Amino acid sequence: MYAKTSTAQTSDLQKRILGGQYLEHGWFVGNFAYKNHAPLTIVILVEHAGSAQVAAGIAQKFVAEYKKLMDSRTQTATIA
């Protein structure tokens, strides 16, 4: 997987102490291919997350579930 994470400021960083609405947005973008399946690009934006960790965690869960789905489809096709 090729990926990039980052944050996007929503206001002056000194306002972070005033509440969650001033936290940075966290984002993740990645491109990957699994086995012989077509490559996918994934983009996740989490508003007011404060860091990219939340978006990266969502991406990790997505890829794990995608692999399970693709593997189950391959097994089903092999059995049929």
PDB file of N, CA and C in Angstrom:
ATOM      1  N   MET A   1       0.847  -1.168   0.000  1.00  0.00           N
ATOM      2  CA  MET A   1       0.000   0.000   0.000  1.00  0.00           C
ATOM      3  C   MET A   1       0.897   1.237   0.000  1.00  0.00           C
ATOM      4  N   TYR A   2       0.507   2.185  -0.814  1.00  0.00           N
ATOM      5  CA  TYR A   2       1.128   3.499  -0.806  1.00  0.00           C
ATOM      6  C   TYR A   2       0.139   4.422  -0.129  1.00  0.00           C
ATOM      7  N   ALA A   3       0.558   5.164   0.895  1.00  0.00           N
ATOM      8  CA  ALA A   3      -0.405   5.974   1.643  1.00  0.00           C
ATOM      9  C   ALA A   3       0.239   7.242   2.176  1.00  0.00           C
ATOM     10  N   LYS A   4      -0.614   8.195   2.494  1.00  0.00           N
ATOM     11  CA  LYS A   4      -0.192   9.455   3.098  1.00  0.00           C
ATOM     12  C   LYS A   4      -1.241   9.865   4.117  1.00  0.00           C
ATOM     13  N   THR A   5      -0.789  10.297   5.278  1.00  0.00           N
ATOM     14  CA  THR A   5      -1.689  10.838   6.297  1.00  0.00           C
ATOM     15  C   THR A   5      -1.284  12.272   6.592  1.00  0.00           C
ATOM     16  N   SER A   6      -2.231  13.034   7.100  1.00  0.00           N
ATOM     17  CA  SER A   6      -1.915  14.401   7.495  1.00  0.00           C
ATOM     18  C   SER A   6      -3.105  14.996   8.235  1.00  0.00           C
ATOM     19  N   THR A   7      -2.960  16.271   8.583  1.00  0.00           N
ATOM     20  CA  THR A   7      -4.057  17.013   9.189  1.00  0.00           C
ATOM     21  C   THR A   7      -4.268  18.299   8.396  1.00  0.00           C
ATOM     22  N   ALA A   8      -5.442  18.865   8.563  1.00  0.00           N
ATOM     23  CA  ALA A   8      -5.758  20.143   7.933  1.00  0.00           C
ATOM     24  C   ALA A   8      -6.290  21.074   9.017  1.00  0.00           C
ATOM     25  N   GLN A   9      -5.603  22.187   9.199  1.00  0.00           N
ATOM     26  CA  GLN A   9      -6.028  23.134  10.222  1.00  0.00           C
ATOM     27  C   GLN A   9      -7.371  23.749   9.873  1.00  0.00           C
ATOM     28  N   THR A  10      -8.170  23.985  10.910  1.00  0.00           N
ATOM     29  CA  THR A  10      -9.469  24.629  10.719  1.00  0.00           C
ATOM     30  C   THR A  10      -9.467  26.046  11.269  1.00  0.00           C
ATOM     31  N   SER A  11      -8.466  26.365  12.097  1.00  0.00           N
ATOM     32  CA  SER A  11      -8.362  27.696  12.692  1.00  0.00           C
ATOM     33  C   SER A  11      -6.968  27.851  13.276  1.00  0.00           C
ATOM     34  N   ASP A  12      -6.755  28.919  13.984  1.00  0.00           N
ATOM     35  CA  ASP A  12      -5.485  29.142  14.678  1.00  0.00           C
ATOM     36  C   ASP A  12      -5.276  28.018  15.693  1.00  0.00           C
ATOM     37  N   LEU A  13      -4.076  27.457  15.728  1.00  0.00           N
ATOM     38  CA  LEU A  13      -3.799  26.331  16.630  1.00  0.00           C
ATOM     39  C   LEU A  13      -4.003  26.690  18.102  1.00  0.00           C
ATOM     40  N   GLN A  14      -3.907  27.946  18.458  1.00  0.00           N
ATOM     41  CA  GLN A  14      -4.107  28.360  19.848  1.00  0.00           C
ATOM     42  C   GLN A  14      -5.557  28.178  20.295  1.00  0.00           C
ATOM     43  N   LYS A  15      -6.481  28.046  19.353  1.00  0.00           N
ATOM     44  CA  LYS A  15      -7.894  27.872  19.689  1.00  0.00           C
ATOM     45  C   LYS A  15      -8.237  26.431  20.062  1.00  0.00           C
ATOM     46  N   ARG A  16      -7.301  25.493  19.907  1.00  0.00           N
ATOM     47  CA  ARG A  16      -7.568  24.078  20.211  1.00  0.00           C
ATOM     48  C   ARG A  16      -8.127  23.902  21.622  1.00  0.00           C
ATOM     49  N   ILE A  17      -7.673  24.722  22.558  1.00  0.00           N
ATOM     50  CA  ILE A  17      -8.114  24.588  23.952  1.00  0.00           C
ATOM     51  C   ILE A  17      -9.564  25.031  24.151  1.00  0.00           C
ATOM     52  N   LEU A  18     -10.151  25.684  23.162  1.00  0.00           N
ATOM     53  CA  LEU A  18     -11.522  26.184  23.275  1.00  0.00           C
ATOM     54  C   LEU A  18     -12.578  25.131  22.962  1.00  0.00           C
ATOM     55  N   GLY A  19     -12.161  23.990  22.428  1.00  0.00           N
ATOM     56  CA  GLY A  19     -13.130  22.928  22.158  1.00  0.00           C
ATOM     57  C   GLY A  19     -12.835  22.158  20.892  1.00  0.00           C
ATOM     58  N   GLY A  20     -13.535  21.036  20.767  1.00  0.00           N
ATOM     59  CA  GLY A  20     -13.341  20.124  19.657  1.00  0.00           C
ATOM     60  C   GLY A  20     -13.589  20.726  18.290  1.00  0.00           C
ATOM     61  N   GLN A  21     -14.438  21.742  18.207  1.00  0.00           N
ATOM     62  CA  GLN A  21     -14.729  22.331  16.901  1.00  0.00           C
ATOM     63  C   GLN A  21     -13.512  23.034  16.310  1.00  0.00           C
ATOM     64  N   TYR A  22     -12.455  23.210  17.102  1.00  0.00           N
ATOM     65  CA  TYR A  22     -11.244  23.864  16.614  1.00  0.00           C
ATOM     66  C   TYR A  22     -10.113  22.878  16.328  1.00  0.00           C
ATOM     67  N   LEU A  23     -10.357  21.598  16.536  1.00  0.00           N
ATOM     68  CA  LEU A  23      -9.341  20.599  16.240  1.00  0.00           C
ATOM     69  C   LEU A  23      -9.151  20.441  14.732  1.00  0.00           C
ATOM     70  N   GLU A  24      -7.976  19.988  14.347  1.00  0.00           N
ATOM     71  CA  GLU A  24      -7.679  19.786  12.931  1.00  0.00           C
ATOM     72  C   GLU A  24      -8.457  18.587  12.384  1.00  0.00           C
ATOM     73  N   HIS A  25      -8.720  18.619  11.089  1.00  0.00           N
ATOM     74  CA  HIS A  25      -9.296  17.461  10.417  1.00  0.00           C
ATOM     75  C   HIS A  25      -8.157  16.471  10.164  1.00  0.00           C
ATOM     76  N   GLY A  26      -8.438  15.185  10.334  1.00  0.00           N
ATOM     77  CA  GLY A  26      -7.445  14.164  10.035  1.00  0.00           C
ATOM     78  C   GLY A  26      -7.805  13.484   8.721  1.00  0.00           C
ATOM     79  N   TRP A  27      -6.816  13.194   7.912  1.00  0.00           N
ATOM     80  CA  TRP A  27      -7.123  12.526   6.651  1.00  0.00           C
ATOM     81  C   TRP A  27      -6.096  11.468   6.314  1.00  0.00           C
ATOM     82  N   PHE A  28      -6.551  10.558   5.457  1.00  0.00           N
ATOM     83  CA  PHE A  28      -5.739   9.441   4.988  1.00  0.00           C
ATOM     84  C   PHE A  28      -6.078   9.224   3.524  1.00  0.00           C
ATOM     85  N   VAL A  29      -5.070   9.022   2.702  1.00  0.00           N
ATOM     86  CA  VAL A  29      -5.290   8.638   1.312  1.00  0.00           C
ATOM     87  C   VAL A  29      -4.322   7.505   0.999  1.00  0.00           C
ATOM     88  N   GLY A  30      -4.816   6.494   0.306  1.00  0.00           N
ATOM     89  CA  GLY A  30      -3.971   5.358  -0.017  1.00  0.00           C
ATOM     90  C   GLY A  30      -4.380   4.696  -1.316  1.00  0.00           C
ATOM     91  N   ASN A  31      -3.449   3.971  -1.895  1.00  0.00           N
ATOM     92  CA  ASN A  31      -3.698   3.207  -3.109  1.00  0.00           C
ATOM     93  C   ASN A  31      -3.099   1.833  -2.892  1.00  0.00           C
ATOM     94  N   PHE A  32      -3.892   0.795  -3.178  1.00  0.00           N
ATOM     95  CA  PHE A  32      -3.401  -0.561  -2.953  1.00  0.00           C
ATOM     96  C   PHE A  32      -4.061  -1.542  -3.900  1.00  0.00           C
ATOM     97  N   ALA A  33      -3.424  -2.678  -4.089  1.00  0.00           N
ATOM     98  CA  ALA A  33      -3.991  -3.791  -4.851  1.00  0.00           C
ATOM     99  C   ALA A  33      -3.843  -5.033  -3.988  1.00  0.00           C
ATOM    100  N   TYR A  34      -4.833  -5.893  -4.039  1.00  0.00           N
ATOM    101  CA  TYR A  34      -4.792  -7.127  -3.257  1.00  0.00           C
ATOM    102  C   TYR A  34      -4.889  -8.309  -4.202  1.00  0.00           C
ATOM    103  N   LYS A  35      -3.881  -9.140  -4.160  1.00  0.00           N
ATOM    104  CA  LYS A  35      -3.776 -10.310  -5.029  1.00  0.00           C
ATOM    105  C   LYS A  35      -3.998  -9.898  -6.483  1.00  0.00           C
ATOM    106  N   ASN A  36      -4.911 -10.555  -7.194  1.00  0.00           N
ATOM    107  CA  ASN A  36      -5.131 -10.242  -8.614  1.00  0.00           C
ATOM    108  C   ASN A  36      -6.298  -9.291  -8.844  1.00  0.00           C
ATOM    109  N   HIS A  37      -6.790  -8.660  -7.788  1.00  0.00           N
ATOM    110  CA  HIS A  37      -7.926  -7.746  -7.911  1.00  0.00           C
ATOM    111  C   HIS A  37      -7.452  -6.371  -8.396  1.00  0.00           C
ATOM    112  N   ALA A  38      -8.371  -5.632  -8.963  1.00  0.00           N
ATOM    113  CA  ALA A  38      -8.049  -4.289  -9.458  1.00  0.00           C
ATOM    114  C   ALA A  38      -7.592  -3.392  -8.301  1.00  0.00           C
ATOM    115  N   PRO A  39      -6.675  -2.486  -8.571  1.00  0.00           N
ATOM    116  CA  PRO A  39      -6.221  -1.577  -7.506  1.00  0.00           C
ATOM    117  C   PRO A  39      -7.348  -0.646  -7.060  1.00  0.00           C
ATOM    118  N   LEU A  40      -7.279  -0.249  -5.804  1.00  0.00           N
ATOM    119  CA  LEU A  40      -8.254   0.672  -5.229  1.00  0.00           C
ATOM    120  C   LEU A  40      -7.545   1.888  -4.659  1.00  0.00           C
ATOM    121  N   THR A  41      -8.248   3.000  -4.667  1.00  0.00           N
ATOM    122  CA  THR A  41      -7.791   4.209  -3.988  1.00  0.00           C
ATOM    123  C   THR A  41      -8.808   4.524  -2.903  1.00  0.00           C
ATOM    124  N   ILE A  42      -8.331   4.816  -1.712  1.00  0.00           N
ATOM    125  CA  ILE A  42      -9.204   5.117  -0.581  1.00  0.00           C
ATOM    126  C   ILE A  42      -8.840   6.494  -0.033  1.00  0.00           C
ATOM    127  N   VAL A  43      -9.861   7.300   0.244  1.00  0.00           N
ATOM    128  CA  VAL A  43      -9.661   8.624   0.833  1.00  0.00           C
ATOM    129  C   VAL A  43     -10.607   8.728   2.019  1.00  0.00           C
ATOM    130  N   ILE A  44     -10.060   9.057   3.182  1.00  0.00           N
ATOM    131  CA  ILE A  44     -10.864   9.188   4.392  1.00  0.00           C
ATOM    132  C   ILE A  44     -10.561  10.546   5.016  1.00  0.00           C
ATOM    133  N   LEU A  45     -11.602  11.297   5.341  1.00  0.00           N
ATOM    134  CA  LEU A  45     -11.476  12.576   6.022  1.00  0.00           C
ATOM    135  C   LEU A  45     -12.334  12.516   7.278  1.00  0.00           C
ATOM    136  N   VAL A  46     -11.730  12.767   8.425  1.00  0.00           N
ATOM    137  CA  VAL A  46     -12.464  12.783   9.686  1.00  0.00           C
ATOM    138  C   VAL A  46     -12.404  14.209  10.220  1.00  0.00           C
ATOM    139  N   GLU A  47     -13.551  14.853  10.274  1.00  0.00           N
ATOM    140  CA  GLU A  47     -13.609  16.235  10.729  1.00  0.00           C
ATOM    141  C   GLU A  47     -13.296  16.337  12.215  1.00  0.00           C
ATOM    142  N   HIS A  48     -12.511  17.330  12.568  1.00  0.00           N
ATOM    143  CA  HIS A  48     -12.184  17.677  13.954  1.00  0.00           C
ATOM    144  C   HIS A  48     -11.642  16.496  14.755  1.00  0.00           C
ATOM    145  N   ALA A  49     -10.842  15.663  14.126  1.00  0.00           N
ATOM    146  CA  ALA A  49     -10.266  14.496  14.797  1.00  0.00           C
ATOM    147  C   ALA A  49      -9.059  14.872  15.649  1.00  0.00           C
ATOM    148  N   GLY A  50      -8.371  15.935  15.304  1.00  0.00           N
ATOM    149  CA  GLY A  50      -7.200  16.351  16.051  1.00  0.00           C
ATOM    150  C   GLY A  50      -5.905  15.722  15.568  1.00  0.00           C
ATOM    151  N   SER A  51      -6.007  14.610  14.847  1.00  0.00           N
ATOM    152  CA  SER A  51      -4.828  13.957  14.275  1.00  0.00           C
ATOM    153  C   SER A  51      -5.286  13.040  13.144  1.00  0.00           C
ATOM    154  N   ALA A  52      -4.317  12.460  12.455  1.00  0.00           N
ATOM    155  CA  ALA A  52      -4.636  11.541  11.361  1.00  0.00           C
ATOM    156  C   ALA A  52      -4.827  10.111  11.853  1.00  0.00           C
ATOM    157  N   GLN A  53      -4.598   9.856  13.131  1.00  0.00           N
ATOM    158  CA  GLN A  53      -4.681   8.498  13.656  1.00  0.00           C
ATOM    159  C   GLN A  53      -6.065   7.878  13.479  1.00  0.00           C
ATOM    160  N   VAL A  54      -7.104   8.649  13.656  1.00  0.00           N
ATOM    161  CA  VAL A  54      -8.468   8.114  13.509  1.00  0.00           C
ATOM    162  C   VAL A  54      -8.703   7.683  12.063  1.00  0.00           C
ATOM    163  N   ALA A  55      -8.335   8.531  11.116  1.00  0.00           N
ATOM    164  CA  ALA A  55      -8.514   8.201   9.699  1.00  0.00           C
ATOM    165  C   ALA A  55      -7.681   6.985   9.311  1.00  0.00           C
ATOM    166  N   ALA A  56      -6.455   6.890   9.819  1.00  0.00           N
ATOM    167  CA  ALA A  56      -5.594   5.743   9.516  1.00  0.00           C
ATOM    168  C   ALA A  56      -6.177   4.457  10.106  1.00  0.00           C
ATOM    169  N   GLY A  57      -6.764   4.544  11.294  1.00  0.00           N
ATOM    170  CA  GLY A  57      -7.405   3.381  11.911  1.00  0.00           C
ATOM    171  C   GLY A  57      -8.600   2.891  11.107  1.00  0.00           C
ATOM    172  N   ILE A  58      -9.385   3.816  10.581  1.00  0.00           N
ATOM    173  CA  ILE A  58     -10.525   3.458   9.736  1.00  0.00           C
ATOM    174  C   ILE A  58     -10.026   2.771   8.472  1.00  0.00           C
ATOM    175  N   ALA A  59      -8.970   3.310   7.880  1.00  0.00           N
ATOM    176  CA  ALA A  59      -8.402   2.706   6.669  1.00  0.00           C
ATOM    177  C   ALA A  59      -7.902   1.296   6.948  1.00  0.00           C
ATOM    178  N   GLN A  60      -7.251   1.106   8.073  1.00  0.00           N
ATOM    179  CA  GLN A  60      -6.737  -0.219   8.433  1.00  0.00           C
ATOM    180  C   GLN A  60      -7.883  -1.227   8.554  1.00  0.00           C
ATOM    181  N   LYS A  61      -8.966  -0.827   9.196  1.00  0.00           N
ATOM    182  CA  LYS A  61     -10.129  -1.721   9.333  1.00  0.00           C
ATOM    183  C   LYS A  61     -10.763  -2.003   7.975  1.00  0.00           C
ATOM    184  N   PHE A  62     -10.844  -0.984   7.129  1.00  0.00           N
ATOM    185  CA  PHE A  62     -11.424  -1.163   5.800  1.00  0.00           C
ATOM    186  C   PHE A  62     -10.627  -2.187   4.993  1.00  0.00           C
ATOM    187  N   VAL A  63      -9.303  -2.028   4.978  1.00  0.00           N
ATOM    188  CA  VAL A  63      -8.450  -2.933   4.199  1.00  0.00           C
ATOM    189  C   VAL A  63      -8.560  -4.360   4.725  1.00  0.00           C
ATOM    190  N   ALA A  64      -8.604  -4.530   6.034  1.00  0.00           N
ATOM    191  CA  ALA A  64      -8.741  -5.871   6.612  1.00  0.00           C
ATOM    192  C   ALA A  64     -10.058  -6.519   6.184  1.00  0.00           C
ATOM    193  N   GLU A  65     -11.151  -5.765   6.224  1.00  0.00           N
ATOM    194  CA  GLU A  65     -12.452  -6.303   5.810  1.00  0.00           C
ATOM    195  C   GLU A  65     -12.497  -6.553   4.302  1.00  0.00           C
ATOM    196  N   TYR A  66     -11.861  -5.686   3.535  1.00  0.00           N
ATOM    197  CA  TYR A  66     -11.796  -5.865   2.082  1.00  0.00           C
ATOM    198  C   TYR A  66     -11.082  -7.173   1.742  1.00  0.00           C
ATOM    199  N   LYS A  67      -9.968  -7.434   2.419  1.00  0.00           N
ATOM    200  CA  LYS A  67      -9.230  -8.677   2.188  1.00  0.00           C
ATOM    201  C   LYS A  67     -10.093  -9.896   2.511  1.00  0.00           C
ATOM    202  N   LYS A  68     -10.817  -9.842   3.631  1.00  0.00           N
ATOM    203  CA  LYS A  68     -11.705 -10.952   3.994  1.00  0.00           C
ATOM    204  C   LYS A  68     -12.764 -11.169   2.914  1.00  0.00           C
ATOM    205  N   LEU A  69     -13.353 -10.088   2.446  1.00  0.00           N
ATOM    206  CA  LEU A  69     -14.394 -10.178   1.420  1.00  0.00           C
ATOM    207  C   LEU A  69     -13.842 -10.770   0.130  1.00  0.00           C
ATOM    208  N   MET A  70     -12.702 -10.287  -0.314  1.00  0.00           N
ATOM    209  CA  MET A  70     -12.113 -10.790  -1.550  1.00  0.00           C
ATOM    210  C   MET A  70     -11.702 -12.254  -1.417  1.00  0.00           C
ATOM    211  N   ASP A  71     -11.169 -12.634  -0.263  1.00  0.00           N
ATOM    212  CA  ASP A  71     -10.791 -14.022  -0.046  1.00  0.00           C
ATOM    213  C   ASP A  71     -12.025 -14.933  -0.015  1.00  0.00           C
ATOM    214  N   SER A  72     -13.116 -14.467   0.601  1.00  0.00           N
ATOM    215  CA  SER A  72     -14.335 -15.298   0.636  1.00  0.00           C
ATOM    216  C   SER A  72     -14.936 -15.442  -0.754  1.00  0.00           C
ATOM    217  N   ARG A  73     -14.853 -14.417  -1.579  1.00  0.00           N
ATOM    218  CA  ARG A  73     -15.361 -14.506  -2.947  1.00  0.00           C
ATOM    219  C   ARG A  73     -14.521 -15.477  -3.768  1.00  0.00           C
ATOM    220  N   THR A  74     -13.214 -15.470  -3.548  1.00  0.00           N
ATOM    221  CA  THR A  74     -12.318 -16.375  -4.262  1.00  0.00           C
ATOM    222  C   THR A  74     -12.612 -17.814  -3.856  1.00  0.00           C
ATOM    223  N   GLN A  75     -12.827 -18.053  -2.562  1.00  0.00           N
ATOM    224  CA  GLN A  75     -13.140 -19.411  -2.079  1.00  0.00           C
ATOM    225  C   GLN A  75     -14.482 -19.890  -2.627  1.00  0.00           C
ATOM    226  N   THR A  76     -15.473 -19.003  -2.659  1.00  0.00           N
ATOM    227  CA  THR A  76     -16.794 -19.350  -3.173  1.00  0.00           C
ATOM    228  C   THR A  76     -16.712 -19.684  -4.658  1.00  0.00           C
ATOM    229  N   ALA A  77     -15.941 -18.919  -5.419  1.00  0.00           N
ATOM    230  CA  ALA A  77     -15.797 -19.165  -6.852  1.00  0.00           C
ATOM    231  C   ALA A  77     -15.071 -20.483  -7.111  1.00  0.00           C
ATOM    232  N   THR A  78     -14.122 -20.824  -6.251  1.00  0.00           N
ATOM    233  CA  THR A  78     -13.370 -22.062  -6.404  1.00  0.00           C
ATOM    234  C   THR A  78     -14.257 -23.278  -6.133  1.00  0.00           C
ATOM    235  N   ILE A  79     -15.133 -23.166  -5.124  1.00  0.00           N
ATOM    236  CA  ILE A  79     -16.028 -24.269  -4.749  1.00  0.00           C
ATOM    237  C   ILE A  79     -17.094 -24.489  -5.807  1.00  0.00           C
ATOM    238  N   ALA A  80     -17.600 -23.418  -6.403  1.00  0.00           N
ATOM    239  CA  ALA A  80     -18.709 -23.514  -7.368  1.00  0.00           C
ATOM    240  C   ALA A  80     -18.301 -24.088  -8.673  1.00  0.00           C
TER     241      ALA A  80
END
